[in-house]
Amino acid sequence: MEITQAEFISSHADVKKSPPPDKPEFAFIGRSNVGKSSLINMLTNKKKLAKISATPGKTQTINHFLINQQWYLVDLPGYGFAKTSRDKRYEFGKMIEQYVLQRENLNCLFILLDSRLEPQKNDLAFVQWCGEKEIPIALVFTKADKLTKNQLQQSLARYKKTLLVMWDELPPVFVTSSTEKTGQSELLTFIDETLAQQK
């Protein structure tokens, strides 16, 4: 798949104000500062589609982008903000929960994980929660260019070993680098194949 058109549609804190669920949706989520906006911009080949900020937790609404007039790319608020009040964290948590559980046209939730870090408790808890709720997910490891090949393989092995304690089978796994465009074609092919299964 090649993304030739990416159009901002809406930004809302209320799931009920999202666009009508008449097109497949692929949503992106992760801890603050995981590189979500950079990844979305890399996938769409648009440098400023998703706003990048030096302040973690910049995305505080559900943002819909219409891709090739066929499907929605959804930019969700992160979880685990360091500089957000407890009330705000609760609001974001409820917003994310409502979106994930209520959007019947959600085809896949891409959970972004920083490949440089040890498995994080809130990442693992979120992955586990999605599994329990039977949400279709894929794991996207970001910032792969920051590691050597050996370090990257060790990091992936560590995550897989940790997850296989809870899961019988791992969800799809992707390795990405926004600066080097690593994983762009793999992610778009996965989305393309998922869309084709619905036709």
C-alpha atoms as a PDB file:
ATOM      1  CA  MET A   1       0.000   0.000   0.000  1.00  0.00           C
ATOM      2  CA  GLU A   2       1.067   3.546  -0.704  1.00  0.00           C
ATOM      3  CA  ILE A   3      -0.561   6.388   1.198  1.00  0.00           C
ATOM      4  CA  THR A   4      -1.363   9.074  -1.341  1.00  0.00           C
ATOM      5  CA  GLN A   5      -3.881  11.003   0.722  1.00  0.00           C
ATOM      6  CA  ALA A   6      -4.022  11.720   4.450  1.00  0.00           C
ATOM      7  CA  GLU A   7      -6.639  14.188   5.655  1.00  0.00           C
ATOM      8  CA  PHE A   8      -7.281  15.404   9.194  1.00  0.00           C
ATOM      9  CA  ILE A   9     -10.955  14.813  10.012  1.00  0.00           C
ATOM     10  CA  SER A  10     -11.606  15.426  13.705  1.00  0.00           C
ATOM     11  CA  SER A  11     -10.192  15.775  17.200  1.00  0.00           C
ATOM     12  CA  HIS A  12     -12.445  15.003  20.171  1.00  0.00           C
ATOM     13  CA  ALA A  13     -12.209  14.019  23.822  1.00  0.00           C
ATOM     14  CA  ASP A  14     -15.644  12.375  23.566  1.00  0.00           C
ATOM     15  CA  VAL A  15     -15.700   9.035  21.722  1.00  0.00           C
ATOM     16  CA  LYS A  16     -19.326   9.653  20.723  1.00  0.00           C
ATOM     17  CA  LYS A  17     -18.198  12.600  18.588  1.00  0.00           C
ATOM     18  CA  SER A  18     -15.910  10.424  16.466  1.00  0.00           C
ATOM     19  CA  PRO A  19     -16.748  10.087  12.761  1.00  0.00           C
ATOM     20  CA  PRO A  20     -19.463   7.564  11.841  1.00  0.00           C
ATOM     21  CA  PRO A  21     -18.011   4.019  12.087  1.00  0.00           C
ATOM     22  CA  ASP A  22     -18.450   3.417   8.359  1.00  0.00           C
ATOM     23  CA  LYS A  23     -14.782   2.790   7.542  1.00  0.00           C
ATOM     24  CA  PRO A  24     -12.161   0.467   9.069  1.00  0.00           C
ATOM     25  CA  GLU A  25      -9.983   2.062  11.770  1.00  0.00           C
ATOM     26  CA  PHE A  26      -6.380   1.403  12.735  1.00  0.00           C
ATOM     27  CA  ALA A  27      -5.409   3.121  15.982  1.00  0.00           C
ATOM     28  CA  PHE A  28      -2.002   3.921  17.476  1.00  0.00           C
ATOM     29  CA  ILE A  29      -1.287   4.182  21.189  1.00  0.00           C
ATOM     30  CA  GLY A  30       1.681   4.029  23.554  1.00  0.00           C
ATOM     31  CA  ARG A  31       3.337   5.516  26.601  1.00  0.00           C
ATOM     32  CA  SER A  32       4.186   9.179  26.374  1.00  0.00           C
ATOM     33  CA  ASN A  33       7.397   9.924  24.461  1.00  0.00           C
ATOM     34  CA  VAL A  34       7.377   6.568  22.656  1.00  0.00           C
ATOM     35  CA  GLY A  35       7.570   8.253  19.245  1.00  0.00           C
ATOM     36  CA  LYS A  36       3.932   7.873  18.179  1.00  0.00           C
ATOM     37  CA  SER A  37       3.590  11.146  16.251  1.00  0.00           C
ATOM     38  CA  SER A  38       6.886  10.540  14.453  1.00  0.00           C
ATOM     39  CA  LEU A  39       5.749   7.052  13.467  1.00  0.00           C
ATOM     40  CA  ILE A  40       2.401   8.312  12.116  1.00  0.00           C
ATOM     41  CA  ASN A  41       4.173  10.996  10.103  1.00  0.00           C
ATOM     42  CA  MET A  42       6.632   8.422   8.760  1.00  0.00           C
ATOM     43  CA  LEU A  43       3.840   6.038   7.725  1.00  0.00           C
ATOM     44  CA  THR A  44       1.922   8.744   5.873  1.00  0.00           C
ATOM     45  CA  ASN A  45       5.009  10.513   4.452  1.00  0.00           C
ATOM     46  CA  LYS A  46       3.727  13.770   5.928  1.00  0.00           C
ATOM     47  CA  LYS A  47       6.088  15.559   8.303  1.00  0.00           C
ATOM     48  CA  LYS A  48       3.405  17.485  10.180  1.00  0.00           C
ATOM     49  CA  LEU A  49       0.299  15.296  10.059  1.00  0.00           C
ATOM     50  CA  ALA A  50       0.603  14.384  13.736  1.00  0.00           C
ATOM     51  CA  LYS A  51       1.987  17.127  15.965  1.00  0.00           C
ATOM     52  CA  ILE A  52       5.352  16.282  17.527  1.00  0.00           C
ATOM     53  CA  SER A  53       6.159  17.865  20.872  1.00  0.00           C
ATOM     54  CA  ALA A  54       9.115  17.926  23.201  1.00  0.00           C
ATOM     55  CA  THR A  55       6.580  17.651  26.024  1.00  0.00           C
ATOM     56  CA  PRO A  56       5.389  14.064  26.586  1.00  0.00           C
ATOM     57  CA  GLY A  57       1.618  13.558  26.589  1.00  0.00           C
ATOM     58  CA  LYS A  58       0.883  16.174  23.928  1.00  0.00           C
ATOM     59  CA  THR A  59      -1.925  14.126  22.373  1.00  0.00           C
ATOM     60  CA  GLN A  60      -4.911  14.580  24.664  1.00  0.00           C
ATOM     61  CA  THR A  61      -7.755  13.842  22.263  1.00  0.00           C
ATOM     62  CA  ILE A  62      -8.810  11.134  19.807  1.00  0.00           C
ATOM     63  CA  ASN A  63      -7.594  12.301  16.393  1.00  0.00           C
ATOM     64  CA  HIS A  64      -8.993  10.824  13.180  1.00  0.00           C
ATOM     65  CA  PHE A  65      -7.196  11.014   9.819  1.00  0.00           C
ATOM     66  CA  LEU A  66      -8.832   9.716   6.637  1.00  0.00           C
ATOM     67  CA  ILE A  67      -6.337   7.715   4.564  1.00  0.00           C
ATOM     68  CA  ASN A  68      -6.788   7.237   0.795  1.00  0.00           C
ATOM     69  CA  GLN A  69     -10.531   7.818   1.303  1.00  0.00           C
ATOM     70  CA  GLN A  70     -10.677   4.209   2.526  1.00  0.00           C
ATOM     71  CA  TRP A  71      -9.792   3.939   6.216  1.00  0.00           C
ATOM     72  CA  TYR A  72      -9.119   5.935   9.355  1.00  0.00           C
ATOM     73  CA  LEU A  73      -5.800   6.245  11.089  1.00  0.00           C
ATOM     74  CA  VAL A  74      -6.519   7.118  14.723  1.00  0.00           C
ATOM     75  CA  ASP A  75      -4.015   8.864  16.986  1.00  0.00           C
ATOM     76  CA  LEU A  76      -4.939   8.094  20.606  1.00  0.00           C
ATOM     77  CA  PRO A  77      -3.738   9.789  23.815  1.00  0.00           C
ATOM     78  CA  GLY A  78      -0.805   8.071  25.454  1.00  0.00           C
ATOM     79  CA  TYR A  79      -0.877   6.452  28.857  1.00  0.00           C
ATOM     80  CA  GLY A  80       1.466   6.910  31.786  1.00  0.00           C
ATOM     81  CA  PHE A  81       2.185  10.635  31.462  1.00  0.00           C
ATOM     82  CA  ALA A  82       4.832  11.856  33.854  1.00  0.00           C
ATOM     83  CA  LYS A  83       3.632  15.466  33.928  1.00  0.00           C
ATOM     84  CA  THR A  84      -0.144  15.046  33.978  1.00  0.00           C
ATOM     85  CA  SER A  85      -2.395  15.315  37.009  1.00  0.00           C
ATOM     86  CA  ARG A  86      -3.988  12.174  38.413  1.00  0.00           C
ATOM     87  CA  ASP A  87      -7.443  13.424  37.358  1.00  0.00           C
ATOM     88  CA  LYS A  88      -6.217  13.927  33.784  1.00  0.00           C
ATOM     89  CA  ARG A  89      -4.671  10.466  33.737  1.00  0.00           C
ATOM     90  CA  TYR A  90      -8.022   9.041  34.840  1.00  0.00           C
ATOM     91  CA  GLU A  91      -9.833  10.990  32.100  1.00  0.00           C
ATOM     92  CA  PHE A  92      -7.430   9.755  29.438  1.00  0.00           C
ATOM     93  CA  GLY A  93      -7.796   6.237  30.796  1.00  0.00           C
ATOM     94  CA  LYS A  94     -11.593   6.372  30.507  1.00  0.00           C
ATOM     95  CA  MET A  95     -11.370   7.955  27.048  1.00  0.00           C
ATOM     96  CA  ILE A  96      -9.021   5.245  25.795  1.00  0.00           C
ATOM     97  CA  GLU A  97     -11.111   2.502  27.389  1.00  0.00           C
ATOM     98  CA  GLN A  98     -14.336   3.792  25.829  1.00  0.00           C
ATOM     99  CA  TYR A  99     -12.753   4.132  22.393  1.00  0.00           C
ATOM    100  CA  VAL A 100     -11.132   0.694  22.436  1.00  0.00           C
ATOM    101  CA  LEU A 101     -14.240  -1.087  23.719  1.00  0.00           C
ATOM    102  CA  GLN A 102     -16.925   0.852  21.812  1.00  0.00           C
ATOM    103  CA  ARG A 103     -15.529   1.365  18.293  1.00  0.00           C
ATOM    104  CA  GLU A 104     -16.895  -1.627  16.421  1.00  0.00           C
ATOM    105  CA  ASN A 105     -14.922  -0.646  13.299  1.00  0.00           C
ATOM    106  CA  LEU A 106     -11.542  -0.861  15.092  1.00  0.00           C
ATOM    107  CA  ASN A 107      -9.546  -3.360  13.030  1.00  0.00           C
ATOM    108  CA  CYS A 108      -6.287  -3.209  14.942  1.00  0.00           C
ATOM    109  CA  LEU A 109      -4.805  -1.329  17.870  1.00  0.00           C
ATOM    110  CA  PHE A 110      -1.062  -0.794  17.357  1.00  0.00           C
ATOM    111  CA  ILE A 111       0.613  -0.618  20.769  1.00  0.00           C
ATOM    112  CA  LEU A 112       3.935   1.216  20.540  1.00  0.00           C
ATOM    113  CA  LEU A 113       6.831   0.097  22.728  1.00  0.00           C
ATOM    114  CA  ASP A 114      10.217   1.785  23.100  1.00  0.00           C
ATOM    115  CA  SER A 115      12.726  -0.841  21.986  1.00  0.00           C
ATOM    116  CA  ARG A 116      15.443   0.701  24.190  1.00  0.00           C
ATOM    117  CA  LEU A 117      13.625   0.028  27.459  1.00  0.00           C
ATOM    118  CA  GLU A 118      13.115  -3.003  29.640  1.00  0.00           C
ATOM    119  CA  PRO A 119       9.482  -4.247  29.548  1.00  0.00           C
ATOM    120  CA  GLN A 120       7.504  -1.553  31.362  1.00  0.00           C
ATOM    121  CA  LYS A 121       4.772  -2.401  33.865  1.00  0.00           C
ATOM    122  CA  ASN A 122       2.134  -0.123  32.342  1.00  0.00           C
ATOM    123  CA  ASP A 123       2.885  -1.407  28.812  1.00  0.00           C
ATOM    124  CA  LEU A 124       2.535  -5.010  29.951  1.00  0.00           C
ATOM    125  CA  ALA A 125      -0.629  -4.209  31.902  1.00  0.00           C
ATOM    126  CA  PHE A 126      -2.191  -2.502  28.878  1.00  0.00           C
ATOM    127  CA  VAL A 127      -1.275  -5.371  26.539  1.00  0.00           C
ATOM    128  CA  GLN A 128      -2.738  -7.834  29.036  1.00  0.00           C
ATOM    129  CA  TRP A 129      -5.944  -5.783  29.396  1.00  0.00           C
ATOM    130  CA  CYS A 130      -6.389  -5.710  25.597  1.00  0.00           C
ATOM    131  CA  GLY A 131      -5.907  -9.475  25.501  1.00  0.00           C
ATOM    132  CA  GLU A 132      -8.536 -10.009  28.173  1.00  0.00           C
ATOM    133  CA  LYS A 133     -10.960  -7.762  26.254  1.00  0.00           C
ATOM    134  CA  GLU A 134     -10.136  -9.608  22.999  1.00  0.00           C
ATOM    135  CA  ILE A 135      -9.025  -6.426  21.263  1.00  0.00           C
ATOM    136  CA  PRO A 136      -7.096  -7.094  18.015  1.00  0.00           C
ATOM    137  CA  ILE A 137      -3.611  -5.719  18.655  1.00  0.00           C
ATOM    138  CA  ALA A 138      -0.139  -5.587  17.151  1.00  0.00           C
ATOM    139  CA  LEU A 139       3.086  -4.594  18.934  1.00  0.00           C
ATOM    140  CA  VAL A 140       5.228  -1.907  17.308  1.00  0.00           C
ATOM    141  CA  PHE A 141       8.748  -1.456  18.649  1.00  0.00           C
ATOM    142  CA  THR A 142       9.970   2.100  18.012  1.00  0.00           C
ATOM    143  CA  LYS A 143      13.376   3.814  17.866  1.00  0.00           C
ATOM    144  CA  ALA A 144      15.165   0.706  16.549  1.00  0.00           C
ATOM    145  CA  ASP A 145      17.891   2.941  15.070  1.00  0.00           C
ATOM    146  CA  LYS A 146      19.012   3.834  18.603  1.00  0.00           C
ATOM    147  CA  LEU A 147      20.228   0.259  19.202  1.00  0.00           C
ATOM    148  CA  THR A 148      22.780  -2.034  17.601  1.00  0.00           C
ATOM    149  CA  LYS A 149      21.363  -5.122  15.876  1.00  0.00           C
ATOM    150  CA  ASN A 150      22.485  -7.256  18.801  1.00  0.00           C
ATOM    151  CA  GLN A 151      20.910  -4.935  21.383  1.00  0.00           C
ATOM    152  CA  LEU A 152      17.677  -4.870  19.384  1.00  0.00           C
ATOM    153  CA  GLN A 153      17.485  -8.654  19.190  1.00  0.00           C
ATOM    154  CA  GLN A 154      18.127  -8.917  22.937  1.00  0.00           C
ATOM    155  CA  SER A 155      15.406  -6.351  23.655  1.00  0.00           C
ATOM    156  CA  LEU A 156      12.852  -8.143  21.453  1.00  0.00           C
ATOM    157  CA  ALA A 157      13.729 -11.502  22.988  1.00  0.00           C
ATOM    158  CA  ARG A 158      13.266 -10.056  26.479  1.00  0.00           C
ATOM    159  CA  TYR A 159       9.820  -8.676  25.608  1.00  0.00           C
ATOM    160  CA  LYS A 160       8.696 -11.875  23.905  1.00  0.00           C
ATOM    161  CA  LYS A 161       9.824 -13.999  26.834  1.00  0.00           C
ATOM    162  CA  THR A 162       7.981 -11.718  29.268  1.00  0.00           C
ATOM    163  CA  LEU A 163       4.782 -11.714  27.197  1.00  0.00           C
ATOM    164  CA  LEU A 164       4.773 -15.464  26.647  1.00  0.00           C
ATOM    165  CA  VAL A 165       4.357 -15.871  30.410  1.00  0.00           C
ATOM    166  CA  MET A 166       0.881 -14.351  29.918  1.00  0.00           C
ATOM    167  CA  TRP A 167       0.125 -15.202  26.285  1.00  0.00           C
ATOM    168  CA  ASP A 168      -0.008 -18.563  24.505  1.00  0.00           C
ATOM    169  CA  GLU A 169       0.767 -16.860  21.216  1.00  0.00           C
ATOM    170  CA  LEU A 170       2.219 -13.446  20.498  1.00  0.00           C
ATOM    171  CA  PRO A 171       0.308 -10.827  18.506  1.00  0.00           C
ATOM    172  CA  PRO A 172       1.961  -9.513  15.292  1.00  0.00           C
ATOM    173  CA  VAL A 173       5.259  -7.736  16.038  1.00  0.00           C
ATOM    174  CA  PHE A 174       6.816  -4.896  14.020  1.00  0.00           C
ATOM    175  CA  VAL A 175      10.163  -3.145  14.400  1.00  0.00           C
ATOM    176  CA  THR A 176      10.308   0.499  13.333  1.00  0.00           C
ATOM    177  CA  SER A 177      12.505   3.551  13.091  1.00  0.00           C
ATOM    178  CA  SER A 178      10.878   6.809  12.069  1.00  0.00           C
ATOM    179  CA  THR A 179      14.183   8.398  11.065  1.00  0.00           C
ATOM    180  CA  GLU A 180      15.201   5.486   8.826  1.00  0.00           C
ATOM    181  CA  LYS A 181      11.653   4.518   7.742  1.00  0.00           C
ATOM    182  CA  THR A 182      12.244   1.004   9.044  1.00  0.00           C
ATOM    183  CA  GLY A 183       9.006  -0.964   9.215  1.00  0.00           C
ATOM    184  CA  GLN A 184       6.995   1.405   7.018  1.00  0.00           C
ATOM    185  CA  SER A 185       6.310  -1.106   4.244  1.00  0.00           C
ATOM    186  CA  GLU A 186       5.680  -3.959   6.719  1.00  0.00           C
ATOM    187  CA  LEU A 187       3.079  -1.970   8.662  1.00  0.00           C
ATOM    188  CA  LEU A 188       1.323  -0.713   5.520  1.00  0.00           C
ATOM    189  CA  THR A 189       1.306  -4.227   4.031  1.00  0.00           C
ATOM    190  CA  PHE A 190      -0.259  -5.543   7.255  1.00  0.00           C
ATOM    191  CA  ILE A 191      -2.969  -2.862   7.080  1.00  0.00           C
ATOM    192  CA  ASP A 192      -3.521  -3.583   3.385  1.00  0.00           C
ATOM    193  CA  GLU A 193      -3.906  -7.314   4.005  1.00  0.00           C
ATOM    194  CA  THR A 194      -6.280  -6.684   6.912  1.00  0.00           C
ATOM    195  CA  LEU A 195      -8.425  -4.444   4.695  1.00  0.00           C
ATOM    196  CA  ALA A 196      -8.411  -7.038   1.898  1.00  0.00           C
ATOM    197  CA  GLN A 197      -9.827  -9.667   4.266  1.00  0.00           C
ATOM    198  CA  GLN A 198     -12.950  -7.526   4.705  1.00  0.00           C
ATOM    199  CA  LYS A 199     -13.794  -7.299   1.022  1.00  0.00           C
END
